[in-house]
Amino acid sequence: MNMDYAATIQTTDENDYTCDNCGAEFSVTYATQTGHNEREYFYCPECYKRLYVRASLPIMTQNIKLTKPRIDGKKDKFQNIDSE
């Protein structure tokens, strides 16, 4: 049985995001693994707009770090559409 060795190695990635709804800036840390990355959802820490990244494990809330708060002057939550 042949196994792709690269597919067994999990790595950690981090990306910075600016929410296109409220302008908040934050970073997200997540695990990736060759051949095992799926669409994993996470939410803006300020307005809760749903975003996604290709990752091998679900994104945990503690892996989202707010660097700049929202700049739109609002306090409401984004209305995500569940059909995504």
N, C-alpha and C. Protein backbone atom coordinates (compact mmCIF):
# COMPACT_ATOMS: atom_id res chain seq x y z
N MET A 1 0.85 -1.18 0.00
CA MET A 1 0.00 0.00 0.00
C MET A 1 0.89 1.25 0.00
N ASN A 2 0.73 2.10 -0.98
CA ASN A 2 1.50 3.34 -1.05
C ASN A 2 0.77 4.45 -0.31
N MET A 3 1.50 5.20 0.48
CA MET A 3 0.92 6.32 1.20
C MET A 3 1.73 7.56 0.86
N ASP A 4 1.04 8.65 0.55
CA ASP A 4 1.70 9.91 0.28
C ASP A 4 2.18 10.49 1.60
N TYR A 5 3.49 10.48 1.81
CA TYR A 5 4.06 10.95 3.08
C TYR A 5 3.68 12.41 3.36
N ALA A 6 3.66 13.25 2.33
CA ALA A 6 3.32 14.67 2.52
C ALA A 6 1.91 14.83 3.07
N ALA A 7 1.01 13.92 2.75
CA ALA A 7 -0.37 14.01 3.22
C ALA A 7 -0.50 13.71 4.71
N THR A 8 0.56 13.20 5.32
CA THR A 8 0.51 12.89 6.75
C THR A 8 1.08 14.01 7.61
N ILE A 9 1.63 15.04 7.00
CA ILE A 9 2.26 16.13 7.74
C ILE A 9 1.30 17.31 7.86
N GLN A 10 0.98 17.67 9.08
CA GLN A 10 0.10 18.80 9.33
C GLN A 10 0.94 20.03 9.63
N THR A 11 0.58 21.15 9.04
CA THR A 11 1.29 22.40 9.29
C THR A 11 0.30 23.44 9.80
N THR A 12 0.82 24.53 10.33
CA THR A 12 -0.02 25.62 10.82
C THR A 12 0.22 26.84 9.94
N ASP A 13 -0.87 27.46 9.51
CA ASP A 13 -0.80 28.68 8.73
C ASP A 13 -1.50 29.79 9.50
N GLU A 14 -1.15 31.02 9.17
CA GLU A 14 -1.81 32.18 9.76
C GLU A 14 -2.00 33.22 8.67
N ASN A 15 -3.20 33.78 8.60
CA ASN A 15 -3.49 34.83 7.63
C ASN A 15 -4.13 36.01 8.34
N ASP A 16 -3.88 37.21 7.82
CA ASP A 16 -4.51 38.42 8.32
C ASP A 16 -5.70 38.75 7.44
N TYR A 17 -6.77 39.21 8.05
CA TYR A 17 -8.00 39.53 7.34
C TYR A 17 -8.49 40.91 7.74
N THR A 18 -9.16 41.57 6.80
CA THR A 18 -9.93 42.78 7.08
C THR A 18 -11.35 42.46 6.66
N CYS A 19 -12.29 42.56 7.59
CA CYS A 19 -13.68 42.25 7.31
C CYS A 19 -14.25 43.27 6.32
N ASP A 20 -14.84 42.79 5.24
CA ASP A 20 -15.40 43.71 4.25
C ASP A 20 -16.76 44.25 4.68
N ASN A 21 -17.28 43.80 5.81
CA ASN A 21 -18.54 44.32 6.33
C ASN A 21 -18.31 45.45 7.34
N CYS A 22 -17.41 45.24 8.30
CA CYS A 22 -17.25 46.22 9.38
C CYS A 22 -15.88 46.88 9.43
N GLY A 23 -14.91 46.35 8.70
CA GLY A 23 -13.57 46.92 8.67
C GLY A 23 -12.63 46.45 9.77
N ALA A 24 -13.09 45.53 10.63
CA ALA A 24 -12.22 45.00 11.68
C ALA A 24 -11.05 44.25 11.05
N GLU A 25 -9.91 44.28 11.73
CA GLU A 25 -8.73 43.55 11.27
C GLU A 25 -8.41 42.47 12.31
N PHE A 26 -8.08 41.28 11.82
CA PHE A 26 -7.79 40.16 12.72
C PHE A 26 -6.95 39.13 12.01
N SER A 27 -6.33 38.26 12.78
CA SER A 27 -5.54 37.17 12.22
C SER A 27 -6.19 35.85 12.62
N VAL A 28 -6.03 34.85 11.75
CA VAL A 28 -6.60 33.53 11.98
C VAL A 28 -5.50 32.50 11.80
N THR A 29 -5.34 31.64 12.80
CA THR A 29 -4.38 30.54 12.75
C THR A 29 -5.15 29.25 12.54
N TYR A 30 -4.67 28.40 11.62
CA TYR A 30 -5.39 27.17 11.29
C TYR A 30 -4.43 26.10 10.80
N ALA A 31 -4.89 24.86 10.88
CA ALA A 31 -4.08 23.71 10.47
C ALA A 31 -4.38 23.35 9.02
N THR A 32 -3.33 22.98 8.29
CA THR A 32 -3.49 22.48 6.92
C THR A 32 -2.76 21.16 6.78
N GLN A 33 -3.23 20.37 5.84
CA GLN A 33 -2.61 19.07 5.58
C GLN A 33 -2.85 18.74 4.11
N THR A 34 -1.81 18.45 3.37
CA THR A 34 -1.92 18.17 1.95
C THR A 34 -3.01 17.13 1.67
N GLY A 35 -3.93 17.49 0.81
CA GLY A 35 -4.98 16.56 0.41
C GLY A 35 -6.13 16.42 1.39
N HIS A 36 -6.10 17.15 2.50
CA HIS A 36 -7.15 17.00 3.52
C HIS A 36 -7.77 18.33 3.93
N ASN A 37 -7.66 19.34 3.11
CA ASN A 37 -8.20 20.65 3.45
C ASN A 37 -9.60 20.82 2.88
N GLU A 38 -10.50 21.22 3.74
CA GLU A 38 -11.89 21.46 3.36
C GLU A 38 -12.24 22.90 3.71
N ARG A 39 -13.41 23.34 3.27
CA ARG A 39 -13.89 24.68 3.62
C ARG A 39 -14.27 24.68 5.10
N GLU A 40 -13.53 25.47 5.88
CA GLU A 40 -13.81 25.60 7.31
C GLU A 40 -14.21 27.05 7.58
N TYR A 41 -15.36 27.21 8.20
CA TYR A 41 -15.90 28.54 8.47
C TYR A 41 -15.38 29.11 9.78
N PHE A 42 -15.27 30.43 9.82
CA PHE A 42 -14.99 31.16 11.04
C PHE A 42 -15.72 32.48 10.92
N TYR A 43 -15.78 33.23 11.99
CA TYR A 43 -16.58 34.45 12.02
C TYR A 43 -15.74 35.66 12.42
N CYS A 44 -16.04 36.79 11.80
CA CYS A 44 -15.39 38.04 12.19
C CYS A 44 -15.65 38.24 13.69
N PRO A 45 -14.62 38.55 14.48
CA PRO A 45 -14.82 38.69 15.92
C PRO A 45 -15.63 39.92 16.32
N GLU A 46 -15.88 40.82 15.40
CA GLU A 46 -16.63 42.04 15.71
C GLU A 46 -18.08 41.99 15.23
N CYS A 47 -18.31 41.63 13.97
CA CYS A 47 -19.68 41.66 13.44
C CYS A 47 -20.24 40.26 13.16
N TYR A 48 -19.43 39.25 13.30
CA TYR A 48 -19.80 37.84 13.11
C TYR A 48 -20.16 37.48 11.68
N LYS A 49 -19.62 38.21 10.71
CA LYS A 49 -19.79 37.79 9.32
C LYS A 49 -19.03 36.49 9.11
N ARG A 50 -19.69 35.54 8.44
CA ARG A 50 -19.06 34.23 8.21
C ARG A 50 -18.06 34.33 7.06
N LEU A 51 -16.87 33.79 7.30
CA LEU A 51 -15.80 33.73 6.31
C LEU A 51 -15.31 32.29 6.29
N TYR A 52 -14.46 31.95 5.35
CA TYR A 52 -13.92 30.59 5.34
C TYR A 52 -12.49 30.57 4.84
N VAL A 53 -11.82 29.46 5.16
CA VAL A 53 -10.47 29.19 4.71
C VAL A 53 -10.40 27.69 4.45
N ARG A 54 -9.49 27.26 3.59
CA ARG A 54 -9.28 25.83 3.36
C ARG A 54 -8.34 25.32 4.45
N ALA A 55 -8.84 24.44 5.29
CA ALA A 55 -8.07 23.94 6.43
C ALA A 55 -8.39 22.48 6.68
N SER A 56 -7.55 21.82 7.47
CA SER A 56 -7.75 20.40 7.75
C SER A 56 -8.52 20.15 9.05
N LEU A 57 -8.69 21.19 9.86
CA LEU A 57 -9.45 21.08 11.11
C LEU A 57 -10.35 22.30 11.26
N PRO A 58 -11.44 22.19 12.03
CA PRO A 58 -12.28 23.37 12.27
C PRO A 58 -11.48 24.51 12.92
N ILE A 59 -11.89 25.74 12.64
CA ILE A 59 -11.24 26.93 13.19
C ILE A 59 -11.82 27.17 14.58
N MET A 60 -10.97 27.20 15.58
CA MET A 60 -11.40 27.42 16.95
C MET A 60 -11.41 28.93 17.24
N THR A 61 -12.36 29.37 18.05
CA THR A 61 -12.50 30.79 18.39
C THR A 61 -11.20 31.36 18.96
N GLN A 62 -10.49 30.59 19.76
CA GLN A 62 -9.25 31.10 20.36
C GLN A 62 -8.14 31.30 19.32
N ASN A 63 -8.34 30.82 18.10
CA ASN A 63 -7.36 31.00 17.03
C ASN A 63 -7.62 32.25 16.19
N ILE A 64 -8.58 33.05 16.61
CA ILE A 64 -8.90 34.30 15.92
C ILE A 64 -8.54 35.45 16.86
N LYS A 65 -7.57 36.27 16.43
CA LYS A 65 -7.07 37.36 17.27
C LYS A 65 -7.39 38.70 16.63
N LEU A 66 -8.19 39.50 17.31
CA LEU A 66 -8.55 40.83 16.84
C LEU A 66 -7.36 41.76 16.97
N THR A 67 -7.00 42.45 15.88
CA THR A 67 -5.89 43.41 15.94
C THR A 67 -6.36 44.86 15.88
N LYS A 68 -7.51 45.10 15.20
CA LYS A 68 -8.11 46.44 15.17
C LYS A 68 -9.63 46.27 15.17
N PRO A 69 -10.34 46.99 16.04
CA PRO A 69 -11.79 46.85 16.11
C PRO A 69 -12.50 47.39 14.86
N ARG A 70 -13.78 47.10 14.79
CA ARG A 70 -14.57 47.55 13.64
C ARG A 70 -14.55 49.07 13.52
N ILE A 71 -14.67 49.55 12.29
CA ILE A 71 -14.57 51.00 12.04
C ILE A 71 -15.85 51.59 11.44
N ASP A 72 -16.90 50.77 11.33
CA ASP A 72 -18.12 51.25 10.69
C ASP A 72 -19.06 52.00 11.64
N GLY A 73 -18.72 52.07 12.93
CA GLY A 73 -19.52 52.81 13.89
C GLY A 73 -20.80 52.10 14.32
N LYS A 74 -21.01 50.89 13.87
CA LYS A 74 -22.22 50.14 14.21
C LYS A 74 -21.93 49.14 15.32
N LYS A 75 -22.99 48.56 15.86
CA LYS A 75 -22.85 47.54 16.89
C LYS A 75 -23.65 46.28 16.53
N ASP A 76 -24.29 46.29 15.37
CA ASP A 76 -25.13 45.15 14.98
C ASP A 76 -24.30 43.98 14.50
N LYS A 77 -24.95 42.83 14.39
CA LYS A 77 -24.31 41.60 13.91
C LYS A 77 -24.71 41.38 12.44
N PHE A 78 -23.80 40.85 11.66
CA PHE A 78 -24.05 40.55 10.25
C PHE A 78 -25.07 39.42 10.15
N GLN A 79 -26.00 39.54 9.21
CA GLN A 79 -27.01 38.50 9.00
C GLN A 79 -26.49 37.51 7.97
N ASN A 80 -25.88 36.41 8.43
CA ASN A 80 -25.36 35.37 7.54
C ASN A 80 -26.49 34.58 6.94
N ILE A 81 -26.35 34.19 5.68
CA ILE A 81 -27.34 33.37 5.01
C ILE A 81 -26.91 31.92 5.19
N ASP A 82 -27.79 31.09 5.75
CA ASP A 82 -27.44 29.71 6.07
C ASP A 82 -27.26 28.81 4.86
N SER A 83 -27.63 29.24 3.68
CA SER A 83 -27.56 28.38 2.50
C SER A 83 -26.17 28.32 1.87
N GLU A 84 -25.17 28.99 2.46
CA GLU A 84 -23.80 28.96 1.90
C GLU A 84 -23.18 27.60 2.05
